[in-house]
PDB file of N, CA and C in Angstrom:
ATOM      1  N   MET A   1      17.243 -71.792  94.659  1.00  0.00           N
ATOM      2  CA  MET A   1      16.157 -71.377  93.806  1.00  0.00           C
ATOM      3  C   MET A   1      16.661 -70.288  92.866  1.00  0.00           C
ATOM      4  N   SER A   2      16.447 -70.498  91.586  1.00  0.00           N
ATOM      5  CA  SER A   2      16.926 -69.501  90.636  1.00  0.00           C
ATOM      6  C   SER A   2      15.824 -68.503  90.332  1.00  0.00           C
ATOM      7  N   GLN A   3      16.254 -67.334  90.058  1.00  0.00           N
ATOM      8  CA  GLN A   3      15.299 -66.281  89.716  1.00  0.00           C
ATOM      9  C   GLN A   3      15.375 -66.012  88.218  1.00  0.00           C
ATOM     10  N   LEU A   4      14.241 -65.924  87.640  1.00  0.00           N
ATOM     11  CA  LEU A   4      14.180 -65.595  86.223  1.00  0.00           C
ATOM     12  C   LEU A   4      14.045 -64.090  86.090  1.00  0.00           C
ATOM     13  N   SER A   5      14.913 -63.526  85.304  1.00  0.00           N
ATOM     14  CA  SER A   5      14.811 -62.086  85.109  1.00  0.00           C
ATOM     15  C   SER A   5      13.873 -61.819  83.939  1.00  0.00           C
ATOM     16  N   ALA A   6      12.965 -60.962  84.151  1.00  0.00           N
ATOM     17  CA  ALA A   6      12.012 -60.615  83.107  1.00  0.00           C
ATOM     18  C   ALA A   6      12.629 -59.565  82.203  1.00  0.00           C
ATOM     19  N   ALA A   7      12.590 -59.830  80.920  1.00  0.00           N
ATOM     20  CA  ALA A   7      13.092 -58.858  79.960  1.00  0.00           C
ATOM     21  C   ALA A   7      12.108 -57.700  79.875  1.00  0.00           C
ATOM     22  N   PRO A   8      12.629 -56.526  79.714  1.00  0.00           N
ATOM     23  CA  PRO A   8      11.706 -55.382  79.614  1.00  0.00           C
ATOM     24  C   PRO A   8      10.833 -55.526  78.360  1.00  0.00           C
ATOM     25  N   LEU A   9       9.583 -55.208  78.519  1.00  0.00           N
ATOM     26  CA  LEU A   9       8.636 -55.313  77.416  1.00  0.00           C
ATOM     27  C   LEU A   9       8.842 -54.162  76.434  1.00  0.00           C
ATOM     28  N   ALA A  10       8.734 -54.489  75.164  1.00  0.00           N
ATOM     29  CA  ALA A  10       8.831 -53.457  74.136  1.00  0.00           C
ATOM     30  C   ALA A  10       7.572 -52.604  74.163  1.00  0.00           C
ATOM     31  N   PRO A  11       7.717 -51.340  73.895  1.00  0.00           N
ATOM     32  CA  PRO A  11       6.516 -50.495  73.892  1.00  0.00           C
ATOM     33  C   PRO A  11       5.572 -50.935  72.776  1.00  0.00           C
ATOM     34  N   THR A  12       4.317 -50.940  73.086  1.00  0.00           N
ATOM     35  CA  THR A  12       3.319 -51.356  72.094  1.00  0.00           C
ATOM     36  C   THR A  12       2.924 -50.156  71.238  1.00  0.00           C
ATOM     37  N   THR A  13       2.679 -50.450  69.987  1.00  0.00           N
ATOM     38  CA  THR A  13       2.210 -49.401  69.085  1.00  0.00           C
ATOM     39  C   THR A  13       0.792 -49.742  68.672  1.00  0.00           C
ATOM     40  N   SER A  14       0.005 -48.757  68.495  1.00  0.00           N
ATOM     41  CA  SER A  14      -1.376 -48.995  68.088  1.00  0.00           C
ATOM     42  C   SER A  14      -1.458 -48.940  66.563  1.00  0.00           C
ATOM     43  N   VAL A  15      -2.272 -49.813  66.021  1.00  0.00           N
ATOM     44  CA  VAL A  15      -2.484 -49.872  64.584  1.00  0.00           C
ATOM     45  C   VAL A  15      -3.857 -49.302  64.292  1.00  0.00           C
ATOM     46  N   GLU A  16      -3.884 -48.325  63.414  1.00  0.00           N
ATOM     47  CA  GLU A  16      -5.160 -47.700  63.080  1.00  0.00           C
ATOM     48  C   GLU A  16      -5.682 -48.283  61.769  1.00  0.00           C
ATOM     49  N   VAL A  17      -6.890 -48.776  61.786  1.00  0.00           N
ATOM     50  CA  VAL A  17      -7.518 -49.345  60.593  1.00  0.00           C
ATOM     51  C   VAL A  17      -8.228 -48.227  59.854  1.00  0.00           C
ATOM     52  N   PRO A  18      -7.900 -48.062  58.565  1.00  0.00           N
ATOM     53  CA  PRO A  18      -8.550 -46.969  57.828  1.00  0.00           C
ATOM     54  C   PRO A  18     -10.031 -47.261  57.605  1.00  0.00           C
ATOM     55  N   ALA A  19     -10.813 -46.235  57.644  1.00  0.00           N
ATOM     56  CA  ALA A  19     -12.254 -46.361  57.408  1.00  0.00           C
ATOM     57  C   ALA A  19     -12.518 -46.358  55.902  1.00  0.00           C
ATOM     58  N   VAL A  20     -13.307 -47.317  55.439  1.00  0.00           N
ATOM     59  CA  VAL A  20     -13.675 -47.403  54.024  1.00  0.00           C
ATOM     60  C   VAL A  20     -15.145 -47.030  53.904  1.00  0.00           C
ATOM     61  N   PRO A  21     -15.460 -46.023  53.096  1.00  0.00           N
ATOM     62  CA  PRO A  21     -16.867 -45.650  52.933  1.00  0.00           C
ATOM     63  C   PRO A  21     -17.670 -46.796  52.320  1.00  0.00           C
ATOM     64  N   LEU A  22     -18.822 -47.070  52.877  1.00  0.00           N
ATOM     65  CA  LEU A  22     -19.643 -48.178  52.402  1.00  0.00           C
ATOM     66  C   LEU A  22     -20.103 -48.000  50.966  1.00  0.00           C
ATOM     67  N   LEU A  23     -20.344 -46.769  50.544  1.00  0.00           N
ATOM     68  CA  LEU A  23     -20.776 -46.536  49.164  1.00  0.00           C
ATOM     69  C   LEU A  23     -19.677 -46.946  48.187  1.00  0.00           C
ATOM     70  N   GLN A  24     -18.440 -46.598  48.498  1.00  0.00           N
ATOM     71  CA  GLN A  24     -17.330 -46.969  47.630  1.00  0.00           C
ATOM     72  C   GLN A  24     -17.131 -48.483  47.634  1.00  0.00           C
ATOM     73  N   LEU A  25     -17.216 -49.112  48.774  1.00  0.00           N
ATOM     74  CA  LEU A  25     -17.063 -50.560  48.873  1.00  0.00           C
ATOM     75  C   LEU A  25     -18.209 -51.269  48.156  1.00  0.00           C
ATOM     76  N   GLY A  26     -19.417 -50.784  48.320  1.00  0.00           N
ATOM     77  CA  GLY A  26     -20.583 -51.391  47.681  1.00  0.00           C
ATOM     78  C   GLY A  26     -20.509 -51.338  46.170  1.00  0.00           C
ATOM     79  N   THR A  27     -19.961 -50.260  45.634  1.00  0.00           N
ATOM     80  CA  THR A  27     -19.816 -50.136  44.187  1.00  0.00           C
ATOM     81  C   THR A  27     -18.910 -51.237  43.643  1.00  0.00           C
ATOM     82  N   TRP A  28     -17.783 -51.485  44.299  1.00  0.00           N
ATOM     83  CA  TRP A  28     -16.863 -52.530  43.848  1.00  0.00           C
ATOM     84  C   TRP A  28     -17.447 -53.915  44.040  1.00  0.00           C
ATOM     85  N   VAL A  29     -18.199 -54.132  45.108  1.00  0.00           N
ATOM     86  CA  VAL A  29     -18.825 -55.436  45.332  1.00  0.00           C
ATOM     87  C   VAL A  29     -19.837 -55.730  44.230  1.00  0.00           C
ATOM     88  N   VAL A  30     -20.630 -54.748  43.866  1.00  0.00           N
ATOM     89  CA  VAL A  30     -21.612 -54.925  42.790  1.00  0.00           C
ATOM     90  C   VAL A  30     -20.904 -55.172  41.463  1.00  0.00           C
ATOM     91  N   PHE A  31     -19.854 -54.411  41.178  1.00  0.00           N
ATOM     92  CA  PHE A  31     -19.122 -54.567  39.924  1.00  0.00           C
ATOM     93  C   PHE A  31     -18.531 -55.970  39.796  1.00  0.00           C
ATOM     94  N   TYR A  32     -17.817 -56.419  40.819  1.00  0.00           N
ATOM     95  CA  TYR A  32     -17.200 -57.744  40.746  1.00  0.00           C
ATOM     96  C   TYR A  32     -18.238 -58.863  40.842  1.00  0.00           C
ATOM     97  N   GLY A  33     -19.351 -58.612  41.507  1.00  0.00           N
ATOM     98  CA  GLY A  33     -20.429 -59.595  41.542  1.00  0.00           C
ATOM     99  C   GLY A  33     -21.036 -59.802  40.157  1.00  0.00           C
ATOM    100  N   LEU A  34     -21.293 -58.707  39.452  1.00  0.00           N
ATOM    101  CA  LEU A  34     -21.830 -58.816  38.088  1.00  0.00           C
ATOM    102  C   LEU A  34     -20.817 -59.462  37.145  1.00  0.00           C
ATOM    103  N   LEU A  35     -19.545 -59.133  37.312  1.00  0.00           N
ATOM    104  CA  LEU A  35     -18.503 -59.742  36.497  1.00  0.00           C
ATOM    105  C   LEU A  35     -18.420 -61.244  36.735  1.00  0.00           C
ATOM    106  N   ALA A  36     -18.536 -61.657  37.984  1.00  0.00           N
ATOM    107  CA  ALA A  36     -18.516 -63.083  38.309  1.00  0.00           C
ATOM    108  C   ALA A  36     -19.745 -63.791  37.750  1.00  0.00           C
ATOM    109  N   MET A  37     -20.915 -63.156  37.846  1.00  0.00           N
ATOM    110  CA  MET A  37     -22.120 -63.772  37.296  1.00  0.00           C
ATOM    111  C   MET A  37     -22.028 -63.920  35.781  1.00  0.00           C
ATOM    112  N   LEU A  38     -21.431 -62.946  35.102  1.00  0.00           N
ATOM    113  CA  LEU A  38     -21.244 -63.044  33.659  1.00  0.00           C
ATOM    114  C   LEU A  38     -20.297 -64.192  33.317  1.00  0.00           C
ATOM    115  N   ALA A  39     -19.216 -64.322  34.074  1.00  0.00           N
ATOM    116  CA  ALA A  39     -18.270 -65.419  33.830  1.00  0.00           C
ATOM    117  C   ALA A  39     -18.923 -66.767  34.077  1.00  0.00           C
ATOM    118  N   ILE A  40     -19.702 -66.882  35.147  1.00  0.00           N
ATOM    119  CA  ILE A  40     -20.383 -68.142  35.448  1.00  0.00           C
ATOM    120  C   ILE A  40     -21.416 -68.465  34.362  1.00  0.00           C
ATOM    121  N   PHE A  41     -22.080 -67.443  33.839  1.00  0.00           N
ATOM    122  CA  PHE A  41     -23.053 -67.678  32.767  1.00  0.00           C
ATOM    123  C   PHE A  41     -22.372 -68.300  31.560  1.00  0.00           C
ATOM    124  N   PHE A  42     -21.243 -67.724  31.144  1.00  0.00           N
ATOM    125  CA  PHE A  42     -20.579 -68.237  29.944  1.00  0.00           C
ATOM    126  C   PHE A  42     -19.978 -69.612  30.166  1.00  0.00           C
ATOM    127  N   VAL A  43     -19.470 -69.871  31.378  1.00  0.00           N
ATOM    128  CA  VAL A  43     -18.919 -71.198  31.651  1.00  0.00           C
ATOM    129  C   VAL A  43     -20.029 -72.235  31.703  1.00  0.00           C
ATOM    130  N   SER A  44     -21.166 -71.869  32.261  1.00  0.00           N
ATOM    131  CA  SER A  44     -22.242 -72.846  32.426  1.00  0.00           C
ATOM    132  C   SER A  44     -23.243 -72.823  31.279  1.00  0.00           C
ATOM    133  N   ALA A  45     -22.999 -72.025  30.248  1.00  0.00           N
ATOM    134  CA  ALA A  45     -23.942 -71.938  29.131  1.00  0.00           C
ATOM    135  C   ALA A  45     -24.043 -73.298  28.449  1.00  0.00           C
ATOM    136  N   GLY A  46     -25.219 -73.857  28.475  1.00  0.00           N
ATOM    137  CA  GLY A  46     -25.416 -75.162  27.872  1.00  0.00           C
ATOM    138  C   GLY A  46     -25.863 -75.105  26.439  1.00  0.00           C
ATOM    139  N   GLN A  47     -25.878 -73.908  25.863  1.00  0.00           N
ATOM    140  CA  GLN A  47     -26.337 -73.698  24.500  1.00  0.00           C
ATOM    141  C   GLN A  47     -27.773 -74.190  24.344  1.00  0.00           C
ATOM    142  N   GLY A  48     -28.560 -73.957  25.356  1.00  0.00           N
ATOM    143  CA  GLY A  48     -29.950 -74.394  25.343  1.00  0.00           C
ATOM    144  C   GLY A  48     -30.890 -73.234  25.115  1.00  0.00           C
ATOM    145  N   ALA A  49     -32.078 -73.315  25.726  1.00  0.00           N
ATOM    146  CA  ALA A  49     -33.114 -72.316  25.503  1.00  0.00           C
ATOM    147  C   ALA A  49     -32.754 -70.957  26.096  1.00  0.00           C
ATOM    148  N   ILE A  50     -31.946 -70.938  27.165  1.00  0.00           N
ATOM    149  CA  ILE A  50     -31.640 -69.648  27.801  1.00  0.00           C
ATOM    150  C   ILE A  50     -30.300 -69.086  27.372  1.00  0.00           C
ATOM    151  N   SER A  51     -29.641 -69.702  26.422  1.00  0.00           N
ATOM    152  CA  SER A  51     -28.332 -69.238  25.984  1.00  0.00           C
ATOM    153  C   SER A  51     -28.461 -68.012  25.099  1.00  0.00           C
ATOM    154  N   LEU A  52     -27.700 -66.972  25.400  1.00  0.00           N
ATOM    155  CA  LEU A  52     -27.752 -65.762  24.582  1.00  0.00           C
ATOM    156  C   LEU A  52     -27.049 -65.942  23.243  1.00  0.00           C
ATOM    157  N   PRO A  53     -25.791 -66.422  23.222  1.00  0.00           N
ATOM    158  CA  PRO A  53     -25.160 -66.603  21.905  1.00  0.00           C
ATOM    159  C   PRO A  53     -25.641 -67.876  21.229  1.00  0.00           C
ATOM    160  N   ALA A  54     -25.818 -67.817  19.935  1.00  0.00           N
ATOM    161  CA  ALA A  54     -26.265 -68.988  19.181  1.00  0.00           C
ATOM    162  C   ALA A  54     -25.072 -69.844  18.793  1.00  0.00           C
ATOM    163  N   GLY A  55     -25.307 -71.104  18.582  1.00  0.00           N
ATOM    164  CA  GLY A  55     -24.245 -72.011  18.155  1.00  0.00           C
ATOM    165  C   GLY A  55     -23.529 -72.643  19.330  1.00  0.00           C
ATOM    166  N   THR A  56     -22.422 -73.302  19.026  1.00  0.00           N
ATOM    167  CA  THR A  56     -21.689 -74.010  20.082  1.00  0.00           C
ATOM    168  C   THR A  56     -20.320 -73.401  20.354  1.00  0.00           C
ATOM    169  N   ALA A  57     -20.060 -72.191  19.862  1.00  0.00           N
ATOM    170  CA  ALA A  57     -18.741 -71.581  20.017  1.00  0.00           C
ATOM    171  C   ALA A  57     -18.390 -71.365  21.493  1.00  0.00           C
ATOM    172  N   VAL A  58     -19.295 -70.800  22.262  1.00  0.00           N
ATOM    173  CA  VAL A  58     -19.018 -70.557  23.682  1.00  0.00           C
ATOM    174  C   VAL A  58     -18.814 -71.870  24.410  1.00  0.00           C
ATOM    175  N   HIS A  59     -19.611 -72.853  24.098  1.00  0.00           N
ATOM    176  CA  HIS A  59     -19.476 -74.160  24.733  1.00  0.00           C
ATOM    177  C   HIS A  59     -18.085 -74.739  24.478  1.00  0.00           C
ATOM    178  N   GLU A  60     -17.597 -74.622  23.280  1.00  0.00           N
ATOM    179  CA  GLU A  60     -16.284 -75.172  22.951  1.00  0.00           C
ATOM    180  C   GLU A  60     -15.155 -74.372  23.590  1.00  0.00           C
ATOM    181  N   TRP A  61     -15.323 -73.058  23.720  1.00  0.00           N
ATOM    182  CA  TRP A  61     -14.278 -72.226  24.320  1.00  0.00           C
ATOM    183  C   TRP A  61     -14.090 -72.550  25.799  1.00  0.00           C
ATOM    184  N   VAL A  62     -15.163 -72.870  26.491  1.00  0.00           N
ATOM    185  CA  VAL A  62     -15.077 -73.103  27.935  1.00  0.00           C
ATOM    186  C   VAL A  62     -15.301 -74.569  28.279  1.00  0.00           C
ATOM    187  N   HIS A  63     -15.071 -75.452  27.330  1.00  0.00           N
ATOM    188  CA  HIS A  63     -15.347 -76.868  27.524  1.00  0.00           C
ATOM    189  C   HIS A  63     -14.589 -77.461  28.712  1.00  0.00           C
ATOM    190  N   ASP A  64     -13.281 -77.209  28.790  1.00  0.00           N
ATOM    191  CA  ASP A  64     -12.493 -77.768  29.887  1.00  0.00           C
ATOM    192  C   ASP A  64     -12.863 -77.138  31.226  1.00  0.00           C
ATOM    193  N   ALA A  65     -13.202 -75.865  31.219  1.00  0.00           N
ATOM    194  CA  ALA A  65     -13.611 -75.211  32.463  1.00  0.00           C
ATOM    195  C   ALA A  65     -14.913 -75.806  32.978  1.00  0.00           C
ATOM    196  N   ARG A  66     -15.783 -76.213  32.066  1.00  0.00           N
ATOM    197  CA  ARG A  66     -17.030 -76.856  32.493  1.00  0.00           C
ATOM    198  C   ARG A  66     -16.734 -78.146  33.233  1.00  0.00           C
ATOM    199  N   HIS A  67     -15.830 -78.953  32.694  1.00  0.00           N
ATOM    200  CA  HIS A  67     -15.479 -80.210  33.370  1.00  0.00           C
ATOM    201  C   HIS A  67     -14.797 -79.953  34.701  1.00  0.00           C
ATOM    202  N   LEU A  68     -13.909 -78.958  34.746  1.00  0.00           N
ATOM    203  CA  LEU A  68     -13.205 -78.635  35.983  1.00  0.00           C
ATOM    204  C   LEU A  68     -14.178 -78.210  37.083  1.00  0.00           C
ATOM    205  N   LEU A  69     -15.210 -77.482  36.726  1.00  0.00           N
ATOM    206  CA  LEU A  69     -16.189 -77.005  37.701  1.00  0.00           C
ATOM    207  C   LEU A  69     -17.307 -78.011  37.968  1.00  0.00           C
ATOM    208  N   GLY A  70     -17.328 -79.115  37.243  1.00  0.00           N
ATOM    209  CA  GLY A  70     -18.319 -80.143  37.498  1.00  0.00           C
ATOM    210  C   GLY A  70     -19.601 -80.012  36.723  1.00  0.00           C
ATOM    211  N   TYR A  71     -19.652 -79.135  35.719  1.00  0.00           N
ATOM    212  CA  TYR A  71     -20.850 -79.025  34.897  1.00  0.00           C
ATOM    213  C   TYR A  71     -20.907 -80.212  33.920  1.00  0.00           C
ATOM    214  N   PRO A  72     -22.031 -80.865  33.818  1.00  0.00           N
ATOM    215  CA  PRO A  72     -22.124 -81.945  32.828  1.00  0.00           C
ATOM    216  C   PRO A  72     -22.298 -81.343  31.435  1.00  0.00           C
ATOM    217  N   CYS A  73     -21.668 -81.948  30.476  1.00  0.00           N
ATOM    218  CA  CYS A  73     -21.891 -81.456  29.111  1.00  0.00           C
ATOM    219  C   CYS A  73     -21.980 -82.593  28.102  1.00  0.00           C
ATOM    220  N   HIS A  74     -21.425 -83.755  28.394  1.00  0.00           N
ATOM    221  CA  HIS A  74     -21.591 -84.890  27.480  1.00  0.00           C
ATOM    222  C   HIS A  74     -21.349 -86.175  28.226  1.00  0.00           C
TER     223      HIS A  74
END
């Protein structure tokens, strides 16, 4: 019968997770949330009744992005 020798275990180190203040985190979440909503508005702008810019310039600028995201346009 053979005996298996156990290798000595390496000492474990503890990892400390830094605390993030919720107010600071919430500010960035709101900022990037509003930025994302603005981007989605311009990509999905159908140049209809709720469109802020007049004309079809925005529609043409994001035309391929509309197709990539599945928005119907024509």
